[in-house]
Amino acid sequence: MTTRQRQAEEQKELREQLRSFHGDGFFQWQFSNEEHKNRWSEWHYDEEKYWGGFSREPFDTASYVLPDWAIGPFAKFPQTTRRA
């Protein structure tokens, strides 16, 4: 077994361990009664419901062209840009 294969196998085992530890991502107390389950189903973000017609493709700023109806583009003032 090569080093890369061993690392891939170790990562797979780690993912399985984490999945078994975290389960579905909820703690027991979050759904301690039926009311909590109902609230979650009403209040959680549903991507299918709220995503709308937005593209799921990655956004490429270099090749993007504004629509005809849009005002812009705007350039940031150099003194207000964030520096890392």
Protein backbone atom coordinates (compact mmCIF):
# COMPACT_ATOMS: atom_id res chain seq x y z
CA MET A 1 0.00 0.00 0.00
CA THR A 2 1.38 3.39 -0.97
CA THR A 3 1.52 6.37 1.35
CA ARG A 4 -1.25 8.10 -0.61
CA GLN A 5 -3.51 5.04 -0.37
CA ARG A 6 -2.83 4.73 3.36
CA GLN A 7 -3.65 8.41 3.89
CA ALA A 8 -6.88 8.07 1.90
CA GLU A 9 -7.86 5.04 3.99
CA GLU A 10 -7.08 6.90 7.23
CA GLN A 11 -9.16 9.89 6.09
CA LYS A 12 -12.05 7.59 5.24
CA GLU A 13 -11.87 5.99 8.69
CA LEU A 14 -11.74 9.42 10.35
CA ARG A 15 -14.81 10.61 8.39
CA GLU A 16 -16.70 7.50 9.48
CA GLN A 17 -15.71 8.06 13.12
CA LEU A 18 -16.78 11.70 13.00
CA ARG A 19 -20.07 10.81 11.33
CA SER A 20 -20.83 8.22 13.98
CA PHE A 21 -19.93 10.71 16.74
CA HIS A 22 -21.88 13.67 15.37
CA GLY A 23 -24.73 11.64 13.90
CA ASP A 24 -27.18 13.89 12.08
CA GLY A 25 -25.77 17.07 13.63
CA PHE A 26 -28.33 17.49 16.38
CA PHE A 27 -28.03 17.08 20.12
CA GLN A 28 -30.63 15.13 22.04
CA TRP A 29 -31.91 18.25 23.83
CA GLN A 30 -32.62 20.09 20.57
CA PHE A 31 -35.52 17.81 19.75
CA SER A 32 -36.55 16.97 23.29
CA ASN A 33 -40.22 17.20 22.38
CA GLU A 34 -42.50 17.35 19.35
CA GLU A 35 -42.80 21.14 19.51
CA HIS A 36 -39.05 21.55 18.94
CA LYS A 37 -39.20 19.27 15.90
CA ASN A 38 -42.10 21.26 14.49
CA ARG A 39 -40.30 24.58 15.04
CA TRP A 40 -37.21 23.32 13.29
CA SER A 41 -39.20 22.15 10.29
CA GLU A 42 -40.83 25.60 10.03
CA TRP A 43 -37.79 27.78 10.73
CA HIS A 44 -34.77 26.05 9.17
CA TYR A 45 -33.33 27.33 5.90
CA ASP A 46 -34.70 25.30 3.01
CA GLU A 47 -32.42 25.83 0.03
CA GLU A 48 -34.92 24.39 -2.44
CA LYS A 49 -37.58 26.83 -1.23
CA TYR A 50 -35.50 30.02 -0.94
CA TRP A 51 -32.73 29.70 -3.53
CA GLY A 52 -34.92 31.00 -6.32
CA GLY A 53 -33.48 31.42 -9.79
CA PHE A 54 -29.91 32.08 -8.68
CA SER A 55 -27.22 30.13 -10.46
CA ARG A 56 -25.41 27.42 -8.55
CA GLU A 57 -22.34 27.80 -10.74
CA PRO A 58 -19.24 29.44 -9.22
CA PHE A 59 -19.08 33.19 -9.80
CA ASP A 60 -16.19 34.43 -11.94
CA THR A 61 -15.63 38.14 -11.33
CA ALA A 62 -13.13 38.48 -14.17
CA SER A 63 -15.59 37.49 -16.91
CA TYR A 64 -18.83 38.79 -15.38
CA VAL A 65 -20.73 41.46 -17.29
CA LEU A 66 -23.46 43.48 -15.61
CA PRO A 67 -26.98 43.26 -17.08
CA ASP A 68 -28.20 46.23 -19.14
CA TRP A 69 -30.50 47.45 -16.37
CA ALA A 70 -27.79 47.49 -13.67
CA ILE A 71 -25.95 50.60 -12.50
CA GLY A 72 -22.20 50.17 -12.21
CA PRO A 73 -19.62 48.79 -12.02
CA PHE A 74 -18.27 50.54 -8.97
CA ALA A 75 -14.65 50.62 -7.92
CA LYS A 76 -13.72 50.48 -4.26
CA PHE A 77 -11.96 53.46 -2.77
CA PRO A 78 -8.36 52.26 -2.15
CA GLN A 79 -8.28 53.46 1.47
CA THR A 80 -11.34 51.37 2.40
CA THR A 81 -10.16 48.03 1.06
CA ARG A 82 -9.29 45.42 3.63
CA ARG A 83 -5.68 44.40 3.91
CA ALA A 84 -4.73 40.99 5.22
